[in-house]
Amino acid sequence: MKLPSNVVIAAVSGAFLVIAGGALMLAVALGGTADGAAAQESALAATAPSAAGEGAPAIEQAEANFVADASAPALAVGPDGTPEPYWLIKQREARERLLRSSEETGSVGVQITGGGSATRTLPAGSTVTTVAGPVTRVVASGGLTPLTGVWGGNAEELSSYLLASNPRPGFSVPTLTLAQYYVRYAGEVGLRADVLWAQMLHETGFGAYRGSVSASQNNYAGIGATGGSTPGVTFPTAEDGVKAHVAHLVAYVFTNDRASWTNPAVDPRYDAVNPRGIARVLNDLDGRWAVPGNGYGAAIERHVAALNR
């Protein structure tokens, strides 16, 4: 691949650097794996000439696309004045720690894991382009879809899928708002929003609530409901109900707490999950989240597959 004249490729203390016009555009940790080679190829492609011009305009366009696609609620304003979603804030903090470390060691490393590009100017004045991740839309079969990861879709997709089957769900907030809660809180703890949303669809009948749990309970996962006349836990708000749902799955997937709100105060059944960290794929919830639960994970997986078509 032929590079523009203002682009320099350099290896510094185990890092692969791309410098364009005197500015650091990309820093990738070097490695001997196929993933490392793919990351280097992506770095070259990011700065190569395109129909729109040199590499820098291409990166600006990637940033524009990223901002347009971000669907999670904006929690802060980035250095360039653009509202930032929750997971980008965490990424930026990690990048800043890496850059501070590089001042001491002389190396810069940013791991590329897949997803959409984002460009931000850091306090030191360097522009680093990374890829948001780990991002996934992988769907397996037979209940083997993973529970962990950051889903590559957005809240609009979740909302549209539900409303296509039930235009008037009984939620206490607009369906899109509910979906935004799921995208936000699932991403904060490293769980897939599409999987949690699919589980909510299964548990609530697409928001129709035809079982023992009523819509006014803001209970989206049957937490505490054992069938019959036992309706389960009631949560004050829709947001509280989503956080409890996510926290409950955290207890099944991880052995440690993942956020300040993953605790029994948010999910009253949090400590009832024993053993912790037992679930890796949807099938692992069979006979645990639902009893007897035969085919429980596979039923949820069908919605996950539809969401990712």
Protein backbone atom coordinates (compact mmCIF):
# COMPACT_ATOMS: atom_id res chain seq x y z
CA MET A 1 0.00 0.00 0.00
CA LYS A 2 1.39 3.43 -1.00
CA LEU A 3 1.21 5.98 1.81
CA PRO A 4 0.87 9.78 1.55
CA SER A 5 4.11 11.72 1.76
CA ASN A 6 3.17 13.21 5.13
CA VAL A 7 2.64 9.83 6.81
CA VAL A 8 5.36 8.16 8.85
CA ILE A 9 5.17 4.63 10.27
CA ALA A 10 7.36 3.93 13.29
CA ALA A 11 7.82 1.27 15.96
CA VAL A 12 8.53 2.67 19.43
CA SER A 13 9.05 0.45 22.47
CA GLY A 14 6.77 -2.30 21.23
CA ALA A 15 4.17 0.00 19.72
CA PHE A 16 3.18 0.57 16.10
CA LEU A 17 2.71 4.30 15.50
CA VAL A 18 1.15 6.16 12.58
CA ILE A 19 2.09 9.84 12.34
CA ALA A 20 0.48 12.15 9.77
CA GLY A 21 1.46 15.78 9.38
CA GLY A 22 3.41 15.67 12.64
CA ALA A 23 0.46 14.43 14.74
CA LEU A 24 0.10 11.01 16.32
CA MET A 25 -2.90 9.49 14.56
CA LEU A 26 -2.85 5.88 15.77
CA ALA A 27 -0.99 3.82 18.35
CA VAL A 28 -1.34 0.04 18.39
CA ALA A 29 0.42 -2.44 20.63
CA LEU A 30 2.61 -4.68 18.50
CA GLY A 31 2.21 -8.43 18.69
CA GLY A 32 3.12 -11.53 16.76
CA THR A 33 -0.44 -12.71 16.26
CA ALA A 34 -2.76 -12.49 13.30
CA ASP A 35 -4.76 -9.89 15.25
CA GLY A 36 -1.67 -7.72 15.54
CA ALA A 37 -1.10 -7.91 11.79
CA ALA A 38 -4.72 -7.05 11.13
CA ALA A 39 -4.47 -4.04 13.43
CA GLN A 40 -1.39 -2.82 11.58
CA GLU A 41 -3.16 -3.22 8.23
CA SER A 42 -6.12 -1.24 9.62
CA ALA A 43 -3.73 1.49 10.71
CA LEU A 44 -2.28 1.73 7.19
CA ALA A 45 -5.74 1.83 5.67
CA ALA A 46 -6.79 4.63 8.03
CA THR A 47 -4.11 6.95 6.62
CA ALA A 48 -4.10 5.83 2.98
CA PRO A 49 -5.45 8.15 0.26
CA SER A 50 -9.13 7.72 -0.60
CA ALA A 51 -11.59 9.19 -3.03
CA ALA A 52 -12.24 11.89 -0.43
CA GLY A 53 -8.55 12.81 -0.10
CA GLU A 54 -5.75 12.02 2.35
CA GLY A 55 -6.00 10.01 5.53
CA ALA A 56 -6.87 12.90 7.86
CA PRO A 57 -10.21 13.73 6.13
CA ALA A 58 -11.08 10.03 6.21
CA ILE A 59 -10.56 10.02 9.98
CA GLU A 60 -12.71 13.15 10.34
CA GLN A 61 -15.48 11.36 8.43
CA ALA A 62 -15.15 8.32 10.72
CA GLU A 63 -15.66 10.60 13.70
CA ALA A 64 -18.74 12.13 12.11
CA ASN A 65 -20.19 8.66 11.50
CA PHE A 66 -19.46 7.66 15.08
CA VAL A 67 -21.27 10.61 16.60
CA ALA A 68 -24.30 10.02 14.39
CA ASP A 69 -24.51 6.36 15.41
CA ALA A 70 -24.05 6.82 19.19
CA SER A 71 -27.40 5.97 20.77
CA ALA A 72 -26.60 5.73 24.47
CA PRO A 73 -27.64 8.67 26.66
CA ALA A 74 -25.00 11.42 26.65
CA LEU A 75 -23.40 11.71 30.08
CA ALA A 76 -20.68 14.26 29.37
CA VAL A 77 -19.30 16.59 26.75
CA GLY A 78 -16.04 15.60 25.09
CA PRO A 79 -13.02 17.84 24.56
CA ASP A 80 -14.36 18.82 21.13
CA GLY A 81 -17.79 19.81 22.46
CA THR A 82 -19.51 16.63 21.21
CA PRO A 83 -21.74 14.74 23.71
CA GLU A 84 -20.10 11.45 24.69
CA PRO A 85 -21.88 8.19 25.51
CA TYR A 86 -21.02 6.22 28.67
CA TRP A 87 -18.62 3.69 27.16
CA LEU A 88 -16.63 6.30 25.26
CA ILE A 89 -15.92 8.13 28.51
CA LYS A 90 -14.47 4.92 29.95
CA GLN A 91 -12.40 4.37 26.81
CA ARG A 92 -11.05 7.90 26.93
CA GLU A 93 -10.05 7.50 30.57
CA ALA A 94 -8.20 4.28 29.69
CA ARG A 95 -6.44 5.99 26.76
CA GLU A 96 -5.36 8.85 28.98
CA ARG A 97 -3.88 6.40 31.49
CA LEU A 98 -1.99 4.70 28.66
CA LEU A 99 -0.67 8.01 27.38
CA ARG A 100 0.41 9.09 30.85
CA SER A 101 2.20 5.78 31.20
CA SER A 102 3.89 6.33 27.85
CA GLU A 103 5.46 9.55 29.11
CA GLU A 104 7.33 7.46 31.65
CA THR A 105 8.21 4.46 29.47
CA GLY A 106 8.52 6.07 26.03
CA SER A 107 5.87 3.81 24.49
CA VAL A 108 2.21 4.19 23.63
CA GLY A 109 -0.19 1.27 23.32
CA VAL A 110 -3.87 1.31 22.40
CA GLN A 111 -5.52 -2.05 21.82
CA ILE A 112 -7.81 -2.21 18.78
CA THR A 113 -10.63 -4.70 19.23
CA GLY A 114 -13.22 -3.89 16.57
CA GLY A 115 -16.14 -1.58 16.02
CA GLY A 116 -16.58 2.03 14.93
CA SER A 117 -13.78 4.58 14.99
CA ALA A 118 -13.69 7.61 17.25
CA THR A 119 -11.21 10.48 17.36
CA ARG A 120 -10.66 12.71 20.38
CA THR A 121 -8.00 15.35 21.20
CA LEU A 122 -6.34 14.54 24.52
CA PRO A 123 -4.95 17.14 26.93
CA ALA A 124 -1.41 16.57 25.71
CA GLY A 125 -2.48 17.74 22.25
CA SER A 126 -2.10 14.38 20.48
CA THR A 127 -4.99 12.96 18.46
CA VAL A 128 -5.42 9.22 18.95
CA THR A 129 -7.83 7.17 16.86
CA THR A 130 -9.02 3.97 18.50
CA VAL A 131 -11.76 1.46 17.87
CA ALA A 132 -14.61 1.11 20.34
CA GLY A 133 -14.78 -2.30 21.88
CA PRO A 134 -14.87 -5.08 22.60
CA VAL A 135 -17.88 -4.85 20.27
CA THR A 136 -19.89 -7.82 19.06
CA ARG A 137 -22.99 -8.85 17.15
CA VAL A 138 -22.07 -12.53 17.16
CA VAL A 139 -25.00 -14.93 17.48
CA ALA A 140 -24.46 -18.66 17.92
CA SER A 141 -27.09 -21.41 17.90
CA GLY A 142 -28.35 -23.93 20.41
CA GLY A 143 -28.20 -21.38 23.23
CA LEU A 144 -24.44 -20.86 22.89
CA THR A 145 -24.52 -17.09 22.29
CA PRO A 146 -22.13 -15.36 24.73
CA LEU A 147 -23.50 -13.11 27.46
CA THR A 148 -20.50 -10.79 27.68
CA GLY A 149 -19.29 -8.02 25.38
CA VAL A 150 -20.51 -4.62 24.17
CA TRP A 151 -23.29 -4.99 21.64
CA GLY A 152 -22.59 -3.33 18.29
CA GLY A 153 -26.16 -2.12 17.75
CA ASN A 154 -28.14 0.79 19.14
CA ALA A 155 -31.25 1.57 21.17
CA GLU A 156 -33.32 2.37 18.08
CA GLU A 157 -32.85 -1.20 16.83
CA LEU A 158 -34.01 -2.64 20.14
CA SER A 159 -37.04 -0.37 20.29
CA SER A 160 -38.05 -0.98 16.67
CA TYR A 161 -37.88 -4.76 17.04
CA LEU A 162 -40.24 -4.71 20.02
CA LEU A 163 -42.68 -2.19 18.56
CA ALA A 164 -43.00 -4.18 15.34
CA SER A 165 -44.65 -6.95 17.38
CA ASN A 166 -46.38 -4.85 20.05
CA PRO A 167 -46.97 -1.19 19.11
CA ARG A 168 -48.41 -0.40 22.57
CA PRO A 169 -46.34 -2.09 25.31
CA GLY A 170 -47.26 -1.42 28.92
CA PHE A 171 -43.98 0.14 30.02
CA SER A 172 -43.93 3.18 32.30
CA VAL A 173 -41.54 5.00 29.93
CA PRO A 174 -41.31 5.21 26.12
CA THR A 175 -39.86 2.06 24.60
CA LEU A 176 -36.86 3.94 23.18
CA THR A 177 -36.05 5.35 26.62
CA LEU A 178 -36.17 1.86 28.07
CA ALA A 179 -33.87 0.63 25.31
CA GLN A 180 -31.43 3.44 26.03
CA TYR A 181 -31.28 2.35 29.66
CA TYR A 182 -30.40 -1.17 28.55
CA VAL A 183 -27.68 0.00 26.17
CA ARG A 184 -26.20 2.25 28.83
CA TYR A 185 -26.17 -0.06 31.85
CA ALA A 186 -25.31 -3.25 29.97
CA GLY A 187 -22.32 -1.48 28.43
CA GLU A 188 -21.12 -0.22 31.79
CA VAL A 189 -20.68 -3.76 33.10
CA GLY A 190 -19.59 -5.55 29.92
CA LEU A 191 -22.81 -7.43 29.19
CA ARG A 192 -24.65 -7.53 25.87
CA ALA A 193 -27.62 -5.17 25.62
CA ASP A 194 -29.20 -7.26 22.87
CA VAL A 195 -29.15 -10.36 25.07
CA LEU A 196 -30.66 -8.53 28.04
CA TRP A 197 -33.30 -6.92 25.83
CA ALA A 198 -34.16 -10.29 24.31
CA GLN A 199 -34.53 -11.75 27.79
CA MET A 200 -36.84 -8.87 28.72
CA LEU A 201 -38.95 -9.59 25.62
CA HIS A 202 -39.21 -13.24 26.62
CA GLU A 203 -40.09 -12.47 30.25
CA THR A 204 -42.64 -9.72 29.59
CA GLY A 205 -44.15 -10.99 26.33
CA PHE A 206 -42.92 -7.93 24.40
CA GLY A 207 -44.23 -5.68 27.15
CA ALA A 208 -47.70 -7.25 27.23
CA TYR A 209 -47.26 -8.65 30.78
CA ARG A 210 -49.66 -11.56 30.63
CA GLY A 211 -48.11 -13.42 33.59
CA SER A 212 -48.01 -12.81 37.35
CA VAL A 213 -45.79 -9.71 36.98
CA SER A 214 -47.62 -6.48 36.06
CA ALA A 215 -46.30 -3.58 33.99
CA SER A 216 -46.51 -1.19 36.97
CA GLN A 217 -43.80 -3.21 38.79
CA ASN A 218 -41.04 -2.10 36.39
CA ASN A 219 -39.76 -5.67 36.70
CA TYR A 220 -38.39 -6.72 33.31
CA ALA A 221 -36.90 -10.10 34.14
CA GLY A 222 -39.28 -11.79 36.55
CA ILE A 223 -36.95 -11.07 39.49
CA GLY A 224 -38.48 -12.69 42.57
CA ALA A 225 -41.44 -14.08 40.65
CA THR A 226 -41.90 -17.81 41.12
CA GLY A 227 -45.18 -18.27 39.29
CA GLY A 228 -48.72 -18.53 40.55
CA SER A 229 -49.63 -15.62 42.82
CA THR A 230 -46.05 -14.52 43.55
CA PRO A 231 -45.53 -11.38 41.45
CA GLY A 232 -41.94 -10.73 42.40
CA VAL A 233 -40.15 -7.46 43.15
CA THR A 234 -41.54 -4.01 42.36
CA PHE A 235 -39.06 -1.27 41.39
CA PRO A 236 -39.78 2.46 41.79
CA THR A 237 -38.83 3.47 38.25
CA ALA A 238 -38.12 1.91 34.88
CA GLU A 239 -34.45 2.81 35.23
CA ASP A 240 -34.30 1.05 38.60
CA GLY A 241 -35.85 -2.02 37.02
CA VAL A 242 -33.31 -2.09 34.20
CA LYS A 243 -30.40 -1.69 36.61
CA ALA A 244 -31.75 -4.55 38.72
CA HIS A 245 -32.08 -6.77 35.64
CA VAL A 246 -28.52 -6.03 34.54
CA ALA A 247 -27.17 -6.43 38.07
CA HIS A 248 -28.90 -9.81 38.41
CA LEU A 249 -27.21 -11.08 35.26
CA VAL A 250 -23.89 -9.71 36.55
CA ALA A 251 -24.27 -12.04 39.53
CA TYR A 252 -24.67 -15.02 37.20
CA VAL A 253 -21.79 -14.08 34.89
CA PHE A 254 -19.13 -12.53 37.14
CA THR A 255 -17.66 -13.45 40.50
CA ASN A 256 -17.05 -9.80 41.38
CA ASP A 257 -19.20 -6.67 41.37
CA ARG A 258 -18.91 -4.72 38.13
CA ALA A 259 -20.20 -1.27 39.12
CA SER A 260 -21.21 0.70 42.20
CA TRP A 261 -24.83 -0.22 41.50
CA THR A 262 -24.39 -4.00 41.12
CA ASN A 263 -25.39 -4.90 44.66
CA PRO A 264 -28.35 -6.12 46.77
CA ALA A 265 -29.62 -2.55 47.28
CA VAL A 266 -30.40 -2.38 43.54
CA ASP A 267 -31.26 -6.06 42.99
CA PRO A 268 -32.82 -7.61 46.12
CA ARG A 269 -32.07 -11.08 44.71
CA TYR A 270 -28.42 -10.29 43.95
CA ASP A 271 -26.97 -12.35 46.81
CA ALA A 272 -29.38 -15.21 46.14
CA VAL A 273 -27.35 -16.16 43.06
CA ASN A 274 -25.09 -19.01 44.15
CA PRO A 275 -22.62 -19.91 42.83
CA ARG A 276 -21.53 -16.64 41.26
CA GLY A 277 -19.94 -16.51 37.81
CA ILE A 278 -21.59 -19.71 36.58
CA ALA A 279 -22.98 -18.43 33.26
CA ARG A 280 -21.02 -17.79 30.06
CA VAL A 281 -23.64 -18.45 27.36
CA LEU A 282 -27.42 -18.30 27.25
CA ASN A 283 -27.89 -22.02 27.86
CA ASP A 284 -26.20 -21.59 31.25
CA LEU A 285 -29.32 -19.79 32.45
CA ASP A 286 -31.46 -22.92 31.89
CA GLY A 287 -32.57 -24.31 35.26
CA ARG A 288 -31.02 -21.34 37.05
CA TRP A 289 -32.78 -18.13 36.04
CA ALA A 290 -35.83 -20.12 35.04
CA VAL A 291 -36.81 -23.47 36.62
CA PRO A 292 -37.05 -26.03 35.14
CA GLY A 293 -36.03 -23.75 32.28
CA ASN A 294 -35.64 -26.30 29.51
CA GLY A 295 -34.89 -24.35 26.34
CA TYR A 296 -34.91 -21.00 28.18
CA GLY A 297 -31.62 -19.78 26.70
CA ALA A 298 -32.47 -20.99 23.22
CA ALA A 299 -35.81 -19.14 23.31
CA ILE A 300 -34.02 -15.89 24.18
CA GLU A 301 -31.42 -16.58 21.51
CA ARG A 302 -34.07 -16.55 18.78
CA HIS A 303 -34.79 -12.91 19.60
CA VAL A 304 -31.06 -12.14 19.72
CA ALA A 305 -30.68 -13.62 16.25
CA ALA A 306 -33.57 -11.54 14.92
CA LEU A 307 -32.14 -8.36 16.44
CA ASN A 308 -28.83 -8.93 14.68
CA ARG A 309 -30.05 -9.80 11.18
